[in-house]
C-alpha cells in the first residue's frame, strides 16, 4: 500500500513538473498545495537575480523576493492572464524592490558587505573581474531607481522591452527612454574602462 502512495506522489510531482505556468497558477488558486512551490522552483533564480540587481544588496533582495512571493501566493486569483505568469511574478518582484527602496530612503543606512568569493583561473583575471564588477555595480547604483530597474530587466536579465514595460507597468516608450538615459549615464560613469 505504501508503495502505491509513493508512486502516486511521484506521478503528482511529475505532472506538476510538466504543467505550464498558467496551469500551475490555476491549480494553486483551486487549492493545490504543491503548485505554487513548483512555480517558485522554476523561477526563483531569475526572480532573485532581478531583485539583487535592483536592490544591490543580498539582504534587501531576499526581503523583496519574500514579500513578492507572499503577495503572489495570496493574490494569485487576481492574475488576469493578460501576460505570462513569469512576467507577472517579475513585476511583483520589481514592485517589491521599489517599495523597499522607498522605505529605505526614508531611513538610509550604510550596509556592511561581505566579500564575494569566486575563483577565476588566473589571479590577475580575478582582480580585473572584481574591479570591473565593482565599477559596474557602483555605476548602476548611482542611476535613479527607474532607470536602474529598466536597465536590469532589459540589459542584464535580457527581457524584451515589451516584457520589461509590462513588468514595470509603464509604456514601452518609457522603458526605451529610461534605458537610453541610463545607458548614457553608464557610458559617462564607466568611460574610463574603455580599451584604447
N, C-alpha and C. Protein backbone atom coordinates (compact mmCIF):
# COMPACT_ATOMS: atom_id res chain seq x y z
N UNK A 1 0.82 -1.20 0.00
CA UNK A 1 0.00 0.00 0.00
C UNK A 1 0.86 1.26 0.00
N UNK A 2 1.93 1.25 0.81
CA UNK A 2 2.82 2.42 0.87
C UNK A 2 3.48 2.66 -0.47
N UNK A 3 3.82 1.59 -1.17
CA UNK A 3 4.46 1.74 -2.49
C UNK A 3 3.51 2.42 -3.45
N UNK A 4 2.23 2.10 -3.38
CA UNK A 4 1.24 2.72 -4.25
C UNK A 4 1.15 4.21 -3.97
N UNK A 5 1.16 4.60 -2.71
CA UNK A 5 1.10 6.02 -2.36
C UNK A 5 2.33 6.75 -2.87
N UNK A 6 3.49 6.12 -2.77
CA UNK A 6 4.71 6.77 -3.22
C UNK A 6 4.69 6.98 -4.72
N UNK A 7 4.26 5.99 -5.47
CA UNK A 7 4.17 6.14 -6.92
C UNK A 7 3.19 7.25 -7.26
N UNK A 8 2.08 7.30 -6.52
CA UNK A 8 1.09 8.36 -6.75
C UNK A 8 1.68 9.74 -6.50
N UNK A 9 2.45 9.88 -5.44
CA UNK A 9 3.08 11.16 -5.12
C UNK A 9 4.11 11.53 -6.18
N UNK A 10 4.87 10.52 -6.66
CA UNK A 10 5.85 10.80 -7.72
C UNK A 10 5.16 11.21 -9.00
N UNK A 11 4.05 10.54 -9.31
CA UNK A 11 3.29 10.90 -10.52
C UNK A 11 2.74 12.31 -10.42
N UNK A 12 2.29 12.68 -9.22
CA UNK A 12 1.77 14.03 -8.99
C UNK A 12 2.88 15.07 -9.18
N UNK A 13 4.05 14.78 -8.61
CA UNK A 13 5.18 15.70 -8.75
C UNK A 13 5.59 15.81 -10.21
N UNK A 14 5.58 14.69 -10.90
CA UNK A 14 5.94 14.69 -12.32
C UNK A 14 4.94 15.51 -13.13
N UNK A 15 3.64 15.36 -12.81
CA UNK A 15 2.62 16.12 -13.53
C UNK A 15 2.80 17.62 -13.29
N UNK A 16 3.13 18.01 -12.06
CA UNK A 16 3.36 19.42 -11.78
C UNK A 16 4.58 19.92 -12.53
N UNK A 17 5.61 19.08 -12.63
CA UNK A 17 6.84 19.49 -13.31
C UNK A 17 6.66 19.74 -14.79
N UNK A 18 5.65 19.12 -15.39
CA UNK A 18 5.43 19.31 -16.83
C UNK A 18 4.29 20.28 -17.12
N UNK A 19 3.58 20.72 -16.11
CA UNK A 19 2.46 21.65 -16.30
C UNK A 19 2.99 23.03 -16.68
N UNK A 20 2.18 23.76 -17.43
CA UNK A 20 2.55 25.14 -17.79
C UNK A 20 2.44 26.03 -16.56
N UNK A 21 3.06 27.19 -16.64
CA UNK A 21 2.97 28.15 -15.53
C UNK A 21 1.52 28.55 -15.28
N UNK A 22 0.77 28.77 -16.35
CA UNK A 22 -0.65 29.14 -16.20
C UNK A 22 -1.43 28.03 -15.50
N UNK A 23 -1.16 26.77 -15.88
CA UNK A 23 -1.84 25.64 -15.25
C UNK A 23 -1.47 25.53 -13.78
N UNK A 24 -0.20 25.77 -13.47
CA UNK A 24 0.22 25.73 -12.07
C UNK A 24 -0.45 26.82 -11.24
N UNK A 25 -0.54 28.02 -11.79
CA UNK A 25 -1.18 29.10 -11.06
C UNK A 25 -2.66 28.80 -10.86
N UNK A 26 -3.29 28.27 -11.89
CA UNK A 26 -4.71 27.90 -11.77
C UNK A 26 -4.88 26.79 -10.72
N UNK A 27 -3.99 25.81 -10.71
CA UNK A 27 -4.07 24.73 -9.72
C UNK A 27 -3.88 25.29 -8.32
N UNK A 28 -2.98 26.24 -8.16
CA UNK A 28 -2.79 26.88 -6.85
C UNK A 28 -4.06 27.58 -6.40
N UNK A 29 -4.68 28.32 -7.30
CA UNK A 29 -5.92 29.03 -6.96
C UNK A 29 -7.01 28.03 -6.57
N UNK A 30 -7.01 26.87 -7.22
CA UNK A 30 -8.00 25.83 -6.91
C UNK A 30 -7.66 25.04 -5.65
N UNK A 31 -6.50 25.30 -5.04
CA UNK A 31 -6.19 24.68 -3.77
C UNK A 31 -5.08 23.65 -3.78
N UNK A 32 -4.38 23.46 -4.88
CA UNK A 32 -3.27 22.51 -4.90
C UNK A 32 -2.17 22.99 -3.96
N UNK A 33 -1.76 22.14 -3.02
CA UNK A 33 -0.74 22.57 -2.06
C UNK A 33 0.67 22.63 -2.65
N UNK A 34 0.90 22.02 -3.81
CA UNK A 34 2.25 21.95 -4.37
C UNK A 34 2.46 22.83 -5.60
N UNK A 35 1.40 23.31 -6.19
CA UNK A 35 1.52 24.03 -7.46
C UNK A 35 2.36 25.31 -7.34
N UNK A 36 2.11 26.09 -6.30
CA UNK A 36 2.87 27.34 -6.15
C UNK A 36 4.34 27.06 -5.88
N UNK A 37 4.62 26.01 -5.12
CA UNK A 37 6.02 25.63 -4.87
C UNK A 37 6.74 25.34 -6.18
N UNK A 38 6.07 24.68 -7.10
CA UNK A 38 6.68 24.37 -8.40
C UNK A 38 6.95 25.66 -9.18
N UNK A 39 6.03 26.61 -9.14
CA UNK A 39 6.26 27.91 -9.80
C UNK A 39 7.50 28.59 -9.21
N UNK A 40 7.59 28.59 -7.90
CA UNK A 40 8.73 29.22 -7.24
C UNK A 40 10.02 28.49 -7.63
N UNK A 41 9.99 27.16 -7.63
CA UNK A 41 11.18 26.40 -8.00
C UNK A 41 11.65 26.75 -9.41
N UNK A 42 10.73 26.91 -10.33
CA UNK A 42 11.07 27.24 -11.72
C UNK A 42 11.68 28.62 -11.87
N UNK A 43 11.18 29.58 -11.13
CA UNK A 43 11.52 30.98 -11.41
C UNK A 43 12.34 31.67 -10.33
N UNK A 44 12.66 30.97 -9.25
CA UNK A 44 13.32 31.65 -8.12
C UNK A 44 14.67 32.26 -8.48
N UNK A 45 15.45 31.58 -9.32
CA UNK A 45 16.78 32.11 -9.64
C UNK A 45 16.70 33.43 -10.39
N UNK A 46 15.80 33.51 -11.38
CA UNK A 46 15.66 34.76 -12.13
C UNK A 46 15.03 35.86 -11.27
N UNK A 47 14.07 35.49 -10.44
CA UNK A 47 13.46 36.48 -9.55
C UNK A 47 14.52 37.04 -8.58
N UNK A 48 15.35 36.15 -8.06
CA UNK A 48 16.42 36.56 -7.16
C UNK A 48 17.40 37.49 -7.88
N UNK A 49 17.77 37.13 -9.11
CA UNK A 49 18.73 37.93 -9.86
C UNK A 49 18.19 39.34 -10.12
N UNK A 50 16.92 39.43 -10.49
CA UNK A 50 16.32 40.75 -10.71
C UNK A 50 16.31 41.55 -9.42
N UNK A 51 15.93 40.92 -8.34
CA UNK A 51 15.88 41.63 -7.05
C UNK A 51 17.27 42.07 -6.62
N UNK A 52 18.26 41.21 -6.79
CA UNK A 52 19.62 41.55 -6.38
C UNK A 52 20.18 42.70 -7.21
N UNK A 53 19.95 42.65 -8.51
CA UNK A 53 20.45 43.74 -9.37
C UNK A 53 19.71 45.05 -9.10
N UNK A 54 18.46 44.95 -8.72
CA UNK A 54 17.67 46.16 -8.47
C UNK A 54 18.01 46.78 -7.12
N UNK A 55 18.12 45.93 -6.10
CA UNK A 55 18.37 46.47 -4.75
C UNK A 55 19.85 46.65 -4.45
N UNK A 56 20.72 45.85 -5.13
CA UNK A 56 22.16 45.88 -4.92
C UNK A 56 22.58 45.38 -3.53
N UNK A 57 21.71 44.67 -2.85
CA UNK A 57 22.03 44.18 -1.52
C UNK A 57 21.36 42.82 -1.33
N UNK A 58 22.12 41.79 -0.97
CA UNK A 58 21.53 40.45 -0.84
C UNK A 58 20.41 40.37 0.19
N UNK A 59 20.55 41.06 1.30
CA UNK A 59 19.50 41.01 2.32
C UNK A 59 18.24 41.71 1.84
N UNK A 60 18.39 42.86 1.21
CA UNK A 60 17.23 43.55 0.66
C UNK A 60 16.59 42.73 -0.45
N UNK A 61 17.41 42.10 -1.27
CA UNK A 61 16.88 41.26 -2.35
C UNK A 61 16.08 40.10 -1.77
N UNK A 62 16.61 39.48 -0.73
CA UNK A 62 15.89 38.38 -0.09
C UNK A 62 14.57 38.86 0.49
N UNK A 63 14.57 40.01 1.13
CA UNK A 63 13.34 40.57 1.68
C UNK A 63 12.33 40.85 0.56
N UNK A 64 12.81 41.45 -0.52
CA UNK A 64 11.91 41.80 -1.63
C UNK A 64 11.32 40.55 -2.28
N UNK A 65 12.15 39.53 -2.51
CA UNK A 65 11.64 38.30 -3.12
C UNK A 65 10.63 37.64 -2.18
N UNK A 66 10.93 37.62 -0.90
CA UNK A 66 10.00 37.02 0.06
C UNK A 66 8.67 37.77 0.06
N UNK A 67 8.71 39.09 0.13
CA UNK A 67 7.47 39.88 0.10
C UNK A 67 6.72 39.65 -1.20
N UNK A 68 7.44 39.59 -2.31
CA UNK A 68 6.81 39.40 -3.61
C UNK A 68 6.12 38.04 -3.70
N UNK A 69 6.80 37.01 -3.24
CA UNK A 69 6.22 35.67 -3.32
C UNK A 69 5.02 35.51 -2.39
N UNK A 70 5.07 36.13 -1.24
CA UNK A 70 3.91 36.11 -0.35
C UNK A 70 2.74 36.82 -1.03
N UNK A 71 3.02 37.96 -1.62
CA UNK A 71 1.98 38.71 -2.33
C UNK A 71 1.41 37.89 -3.49
N UNK A 72 2.28 37.27 -4.28
CA UNK A 72 1.81 36.45 -5.40
C UNK A 72 0.99 35.26 -4.91
N UNK A 73 1.41 34.64 -3.84
CA UNK A 73 0.69 33.50 -3.26
C UNK A 73 -0.72 33.92 -2.85
N UNK A 74 -0.80 35.04 -2.16
CA UNK A 74 -2.10 35.50 -1.65
C UNK A 74 -3.00 36.05 -2.75
N UNK A 75 -2.41 36.65 -3.78
CA UNK A 75 -3.21 37.34 -4.80
C UNK A 75 -3.25 36.60 -6.13
N UNK A 76 -2.96 35.32 -6.13
CA UNK A 76 -2.93 34.55 -7.37
C UNK A 76 -4.27 34.60 -8.10
N UNK A 77 -5.35 34.66 -7.38
CA UNK A 77 -6.67 34.69 -8.02
C UNK A 77 -6.89 35.97 -8.82
N UNK A 78 -6.11 37.01 -8.53
CA UNK A 78 -6.27 38.27 -9.26
C UNK A 78 -5.51 38.28 -10.59
N UNK A 79 -4.71 37.22 -10.86
CA UNK A 79 -3.98 37.14 -12.13
C UNK A 79 -5.00 37.03 -13.26
N UNK A 80 -4.93 37.98 -14.22
CA UNK A 80 -5.92 38.04 -15.30
C UNK A 80 -5.50 37.28 -16.54
N UNK A 81 -4.27 36.85 -16.60
CA UNK A 81 -3.82 36.09 -17.76
C UNK A 81 -3.51 36.94 -18.98
N UNK A 82 -3.39 38.25 -18.81
CA UNK A 82 -3.08 39.13 -19.94
C UNK A 82 -1.59 39.13 -20.27
N UNK A 83 -0.80 38.51 -19.41
CA UNK A 83 0.64 38.40 -19.63
C UNK A 83 1.06 37.02 -19.18
N UNK A 84 2.32 36.70 -19.41
CA UNK A 84 2.85 35.43 -18.94
C UNK A 84 2.95 35.46 -17.42
N UNK A 85 2.82 34.31 -16.81
CA UNK A 85 2.93 34.22 -15.35
C UNK A 85 4.30 34.73 -14.90
N UNK A 86 5.34 34.39 -15.64
CA UNK A 86 6.68 34.85 -15.26
C UNK A 86 6.79 36.38 -15.30
N UNK A 87 6.14 37.01 -16.27
CA UNK A 87 6.13 38.47 -16.33
C UNK A 87 5.41 39.04 -15.12
N UNK A 88 4.30 38.43 -14.76
CA UNK A 88 3.52 38.85 -13.58
C UNK A 88 4.38 38.74 -12.32
N UNK A 89 5.08 37.60 -12.17
CA UNK A 89 5.94 37.41 -11.00
C UNK A 89 7.07 38.43 -10.97
N UNK A 90 7.70 38.69 -12.13
CA UNK A 90 8.78 39.67 -12.17
C UNK A 90 8.27 41.07 -11.81
N UNK A 91 7.08 41.38 -12.26
CA UNK A 91 6.52 42.70 -11.94
C UNK A 91 6.32 42.83 -10.43
N UNK A 92 5.84 41.78 -9.81
CA UNK A 92 5.63 41.81 -8.36
C UNK A 92 6.97 41.97 -7.64
N UNK A 93 8.01 41.28 -8.12
CA UNK A 93 9.33 41.39 -7.50
C UNK A 93 9.88 42.81 -7.68
N UNK A 94 9.80 43.36 -8.87
CA UNK A 94 10.31 44.72 -9.10
C UNK A 94 9.55 45.72 -8.23
N UNK A 95 8.23 45.56 -8.15
CA UNK A 95 7.45 46.47 -7.30
C UNK A 95 7.86 46.34 -5.83
N UNK A 96 8.13 45.11 -5.39
CA UNK A 96 8.58 44.92 -4.00
C UNK A 96 9.94 45.60 -3.80
N UNK A 97 10.82 45.51 -4.79
CA UNK A 97 12.12 46.19 -4.70
C UNK A 97 11.95 47.70 -4.63
N UNK A 98 11.06 48.23 -5.46
CA UNK A 98 10.83 49.68 -5.46
C UNK A 98 10.22 50.12 -4.13
N UNK A 99 9.28 49.34 -3.62
CA UNK A 99 8.69 49.67 -2.31
C UNK A 99 9.76 49.66 -1.22
N UNK A 100 10.62 48.65 -1.26
CA UNK A 100 11.69 48.55 -0.27
C UNK A 100 12.64 49.75 -0.40
N UNK A 101 12.97 50.14 -1.62
CA UNK A 101 13.86 51.29 -1.83
C UNK A 101 13.22 52.56 -1.28
N UNK A 102 11.92 52.71 -1.48
CA UNK A 102 11.24 53.90 -0.95
C UNK A 102 11.29 53.91 0.59
N UNK A 103 11.05 52.74 1.19
CA UNK A 103 11.10 52.65 2.65
C UNK A 103 12.51 52.92 3.16
N UNK A 104 13.51 52.39 2.46
CA UNK A 104 14.91 52.56 2.88
C UNK A 104 15.34 54.03 2.73
N UNK A 105 14.82 54.71 1.71
CA UNK A 105 15.24 56.11 1.52
C UNK A 105 14.72 56.98 2.66
N UNK A 106 13.64 56.55 3.29
CA UNK A 106 13.13 57.29 4.45
C UNK A 106 14.04 57.08 5.66
N UNK A 107 14.74 55.92 5.70
CA UNK A 107 15.65 55.60 6.79
C UNK A 107 16.95 55.05 6.20
N UNK A 108 17.79 55.91 5.63
CA UNK A 108 19.01 55.40 4.98
C UNK A 108 19.99 54.79 5.98
N UNK A 109 20.70 53.78 5.53
CA UNK A 109 21.73 53.16 6.34
C UNK A 109 22.89 52.76 5.43
N UNK A 110 24.00 52.46 6.02
CA UNK A 110 25.17 52.05 5.25
C UNK A 110 25.35 50.55 5.46
N UNK A 111 25.15 49.75 4.39
CA UNK A 111 25.28 48.29 4.56
C UNK A 111 26.74 47.87 4.68
N UNK A 112 26.97 46.83 5.43
CA UNK A 112 28.29 46.22 5.53
C UNK A 112 28.27 45.01 4.63
N UNK A 113 29.09 45.00 3.59
CA UNK A 113 29.08 43.92 2.61
C UNK A 113 30.13 42.88 2.94
N UNK A 114 29.76 41.64 2.72
CA UNK A 114 30.72 40.56 2.84
C UNK A 114 31.38 40.38 1.49
N UNK A 115 32.61 39.96 1.50
CA UNK A 115 33.32 39.73 0.24
C UNK A 115 32.75 38.51 -0.46
N UNK A 116 32.51 38.66 -1.75
CA UNK A 116 32.06 37.53 -2.55
C UNK A 116 33.29 36.72 -2.94
N UNK A 117 33.11 35.40 -3.02
CA UNK A 117 34.25 34.58 -3.40
C UNK A 117 33.94 33.83 -4.69
N UNK A 118 34.86 33.92 -5.61
CA UNK A 118 34.83 33.15 -6.84
C UNK A 118 36.26 32.95 -7.26
N UNK A 119 36.52 31.95 -8.04
CA UNK A 119 37.89 31.59 -8.35
C UNK A 119 38.14 31.54 -9.86
N UNK A 120 38.42 32.66 -10.50
CA UNK A 120 38.84 32.59 -11.90
C UNK A 120 40.19 31.87 -12.00
N UNK A 121 40.50 31.40 -13.18
CA UNK A 121 41.71 30.60 -13.37
C UNK A 121 42.98 31.39 -13.07
N UNK A 122 43.06 32.62 -13.50
CA UNK A 122 44.25 33.43 -13.34
C UNK A 122 44.00 34.50 -12.28
N UNK A 123 44.85 34.61 -11.26
CA UNK A 123 44.63 35.61 -10.21
C UNK A 123 44.52 37.04 -10.75
N UNK A 124 45.26 37.34 -11.84
CA UNK A 124 45.15 38.69 -12.42
C UNK A 124 43.75 38.91 -12.98
N UNK A 125 43.16 37.84 -13.58
CA UNK A 125 41.80 37.94 -14.08
C UNK A 125 40.82 38.19 -12.95
N UNK A 126 41.06 37.54 -11.82
CA UNK A 126 40.17 37.68 -10.67
C UNK A 126 40.15 39.14 -10.22
N UNK A 127 41.30 39.76 -10.14
CA UNK A 127 41.37 41.15 -9.71
C UNK A 127 40.69 42.06 -10.72
N UNK A 128 40.96 41.84 -11.99
CA UNK A 128 40.34 42.66 -13.03
C UNK A 128 38.83 42.47 -13.05
N UNK A 129 38.36 41.23 -12.93
CA UNK A 129 36.92 40.96 -12.92
C UNK A 129 36.27 41.61 -11.71
N UNK A 130 36.90 41.53 -10.57
CA UNK A 130 36.35 42.11 -9.35
C UNK A 130 36.27 43.63 -9.46
N UNK A 131 37.33 44.24 -9.99
CA UNK A 131 37.33 45.69 -10.16
C UNK A 131 36.25 46.13 -11.15
N UNK A 132 36.13 45.40 -12.25
CA UNK A 132 35.10 45.71 -13.24
C UNK A 132 33.72 45.55 -12.62
N UNK A 133 33.50 44.44 -11.92
CA UNK A 133 32.21 44.21 -11.28
C UNK A 133 31.85 45.30 -10.28
N UNK A 134 32.84 45.73 -9.51
CA UNK A 134 32.60 46.79 -8.53
C UNK A 134 32.28 48.11 -9.23
N UNK A 135 32.99 48.40 -10.32
CA UNK A 135 32.74 49.65 -11.04
C UNK A 135 31.34 49.65 -11.66
N UNK A 136 30.96 48.53 -12.25
CA UNK A 136 29.63 48.44 -12.86
C UNK A 136 28.55 48.51 -11.79
N UNK A 137 28.75 47.79 -10.69
CA UNK A 137 27.78 47.82 -9.60
C UNK A 137 27.62 49.23 -9.04
N UNK A 138 28.73 49.92 -8.87
CA UNK A 138 28.67 51.29 -8.36
C UNK A 138 27.95 52.20 -9.35
N UNK A 139 28.28 52.06 -10.63
CA UNK A 139 27.63 52.90 -11.65
C UNK A 139 26.13 52.62 -11.72
N UNK A 140 25.75 51.34 -11.64
CA UNK A 140 24.32 51.01 -11.62
C UNK A 140 23.65 51.62 -10.40
N UNK A 141 24.33 51.57 -9.28
CA UNK A 141 23.77 52.11 -8.05
C UNK A 141 23.57 53.61 -8.06
N UNK A 142 24.31 54.30 -8.90
CA UNK A 142 24.18 55.75 -8.99
C UNK A 142 23.02 56.17 -9.89
N UNK A 143 22.48 55.23 -10.65
CA UNK A 143 21.34 55.55 -11.51
C UNK A 143 20.08 55.72 -10.67
N UNK A 144 19.17 56.56 -11.12
CA UNK A 144 17.86 56.61 -10.44
C UNK A 144 17.20 55.23 -10.53
N UNK A 145 16.39 54.91 -9.55
CA UNK A 145 15.80 53.57 -9.45
C UNK A 145 15.00 53.19 -10.69
N UNK A 146 14.31 54.15 -11.32
CA UNK A 146 13.52 53.81 -12.50
C UNK A 146 14.42 53.41 -13.67
N UNK A 147 15.54 54.11 -13.85
CA UNK A 147 16.48 53.76 -14.91
C UNK A 147 17.19 52.44 -14.58
N UNK A 148 17.59 52.28 -13.33
CA UNK A 148 18.27 51.05 -12.92
C UNK A 148 17.36 49.84 -13.14
N UNK A 149 16.09 49.94 -12.76
CA UNK A 149 15.16 48.83 -12.93
C UNK A 149 15.01 48.46 -14.40
N UNK A 150 14.90 49.46 -15.25
CA UNK A 150 14.77 49.20 -16.69
C UNK A 150 16.04 48.55 -17.25
N UNK A 151 17.20 49.07 -16.87
CA UNK A 151 18.48 48.53 -17.34
C UNK A 151 18.65 47.09 -16.87
N UNK A 152 18.34 46.83 -15.61
CA UNK A 152 18.49 45.47 -15.07
C UNK A 152 17.61 44.49 -15.83
N UNK A 153 16.36 44.85 -16.06
CA UNK A 153 15.46 43.93 -16.76
C UNK A 153 15.87 43.73 -18.22
N UNK A 154 16.17 44.80 -18.93
CA UNK A 154 16.44 44.70 -20.37
C UNK A 154 17.87 44.26 -20.65
N UNK A 155 18.85 44.95 -20.08
CA UNK A 155 20.24 44.70 -20.44
C UNK A 155 20.91 43.59 -19.63
N UNK A 156 20.54 43.47 -18.37
CA UNK A 156 21.19 42.46 -17.52
C UNK A 156 20.45 41.13 -17.61
N UNK A 157 19.12 41.17 -17.45
CA UNK A 157 18.34 39.94 -17.46
C UNK A 157 17.90 39.52 -18.86
N UNK A 158 18.00 40.41 -19.84
CA UNK A 158 17.68 40.05 -21.21
C UNK A 158 16.20 40.02 -21.55
N UNK A 159 15.38 40.70 -20.78
CA UNK A 159 13.96 40.75 -21.08
C UNK A 159 13.72 41.55 -22.35
N UNK A 160 12.74 41.15 -23.16
CA UNK A 160 12.32 42.02 -24.26
C UNK A 160 11.77 43.33 -23.68
N UNK A 161 11.88 44.41 -24.42
CA UNK A 161 11.43 45.71 -23.93
C UNK A 161 9.95 45.66 -23.55
N UNK A 162 9.13 44.98 -24.34
CA UNK A 162 7.70 44.90 -24.06
C UNK A 162 7.44 44.19 -22.72
N UNK A 163 8.19 43.13 -22.44
CA UNK A 163 8.02 42.42 -21.17
C UNK A 163 8.48 43.27 -19.99
N UNK A 164 9.57 43.99 -20.18
CA UNK A 164 10.05 44.88 -19.11
C UNK A 164 9.02 45.98 -18.85
N UNK A 165 8.43 46.52 -19.93
CA UNK A 165 7.41 47.56 -19.76
C UNK A 165 6.23 47.02 -18.98
N UNK A 166 5.82 45.80 -19.31
CA UNK A 166 4.70 45.20 -18.60
C UNK A 166 5.06 44.92 -17.15
N UNK A 167 6.27 44.44 -16.92
CA UNK A 167 6.70 44.14 -15.55
C UNK A 167 6.75 45.38 -14.68
N UNK A 168 7.13 46.51 -15.28
CA UNK A 168 7.22 47.76 -14.51
C UNK A 168 5.94 48.58 -14.56
N UNK A 169 5.00 48.14 -15.42
CA UNK A 169 3.72 48.85 -15.50
C UNK A 169 3.81 50.20 -16.16
N UNK A 170 4.69 50.32 -17.16
CA UNK A 170 4.85 51.58 -17.88
C UNK A 170 4.81 51.30 -19.38
N UNK A 171 4.59 52.32 -20.21
CA UNK A 171 4.59 52.11 -21.65
C UNK A 171 5.97 51.70 -22.18
N UNK A 172 5.97 51.05 -23.33
CA UNK A 172 7.21 50.60 -23.97
C UNK A 172 8.16 51.77 -24.21
N UNK A 173 7.63 52.89 -24.66
CA UNK A 173 8.46 54.06 -24.90
C UNK A 173 9.16 54.55 -23.65
N UNK A 174 8.52 54.42 -22.51
CA UNK A 174 9.12 54.82 -21.24
C UNK A 174 10.32 53.94 -20.93
N UNK A 175 10.18 52.63 -21.16
CA UNK A 175 11.31 51.71 -20.93
C UNK A 175 12.46 52.08 -21.85
N UNK A 176 12.15 52.33 -23.11
CA UNK A 176 13.20 52.68 -24.07
C UNK A 176 13.93 53.95 -23.64
N UNK A 177 13.18 54.95 -23.21
CA UNK A 177 13.83 56.21 -22.82
C UNK A 177 14.61 56.05 -21.51
N UNK A 178 14.07 55.26 -20.56
CA UNK A 178 14.80 55.02 -19.31
C UNK A 178 16.10 54.27 -19.59
N UNK A 179 16.02 53.29 -20.47
CA UNK A 179 17.24 52.55 -20.83
C UNK A 179 18.24 53.47 -21.53
N UNK A 180 17.77 54.28 -22.44
CA UNK A 180 18.67 55.18 -23.17
C UNK A 180 19.34 56.17 -22.22
N UNK A 181 18.55 56.76 -21.33
CA UNK A 181 19.12 57.70 -20.35
C UNK A 181 20.08 56.99 -19.41
N UNK A 182 19.70 55.80 -18.96
CA UNK A 182 20.56 55.03 -18.07
C UNK A 182 21.86 54.62 -18.74
N UNK A 183 21.76 54.16 -19.99
CA UNK A 183 22.97 53.77 -20.73
C UNK A 183 23.89 54.97 -20.94
N UNK A 184 23.30 56.12 -21.22
CA UNK A 184 24.12 57.33 -21.40
C UNK A 184 24.86 57.66 -20.12
N UNK A 185 24.19 57.56 -18.99
CA UNK A 185 24.85 57.82 -17.70
C UNK A 185 25.93 56.79 -17.41
N UNK A 186 25.62 55.52 -17.73
CA UNK A 186 26.61 54.46 -17.52
C UNK A 186 27.84 54.68 -18.40
N UNK A 187 27.62 55.12 -19.64
CA UNK A 187 28.75 55.38 -20.55
C UNK A 187 29.67 56.44 -19.97
N UNK A 188 29.11 57.46 -19.38
CA UNK A 188 29.93 58.51 -18.77
C UNK A 188 30.62 57.95 -17.52
N UNK A 189 29.87 57.26 -16.68
CA UNK A 189 30.44 56.72 -15.43
C UNK A 189 31.51 55.69 -15.67
N UNK A 190 31.34 54.88 -16.72
CA UNK A 190 32.26 53.78 -16.98
C UNK A 190 33.21 54.06 -18.16
N UNK A 191 33.20 55.30 -18.64
CA UNK A 191 34.04 55.66 -19.79
C UNK A 191 35.51 55.39 -19.57
N UNK A 192 35.97 55.50 -18.35
CA UNK A 192 37.38 55.28 -18.04
C UNK A 192 37.80 53.82 -18.23
N UNK A 193 36.84 52.91 -18.38
CA UNK A 193 37.15 51.48 -18.53
C UNK A 193 37.33 51.07 -19.98
N UNK A 194 37.05 51.99 -20.91
CA UNK A 194 37.17 51.66 -22.33
C UNK A 194 38.62 51.35 -22.70
N UNK A 195 38.78 50.33 -23.53
CA UNK A 195 40.11 49.96 -24.01
C UNK A 195 40.46 50.90 -25.16
N UNK A 196 41.61 51.51 -25.07
CA UNK A 196 42.03 52.49 -26.10
C UNK A 196 42.60 51.80 -27.30
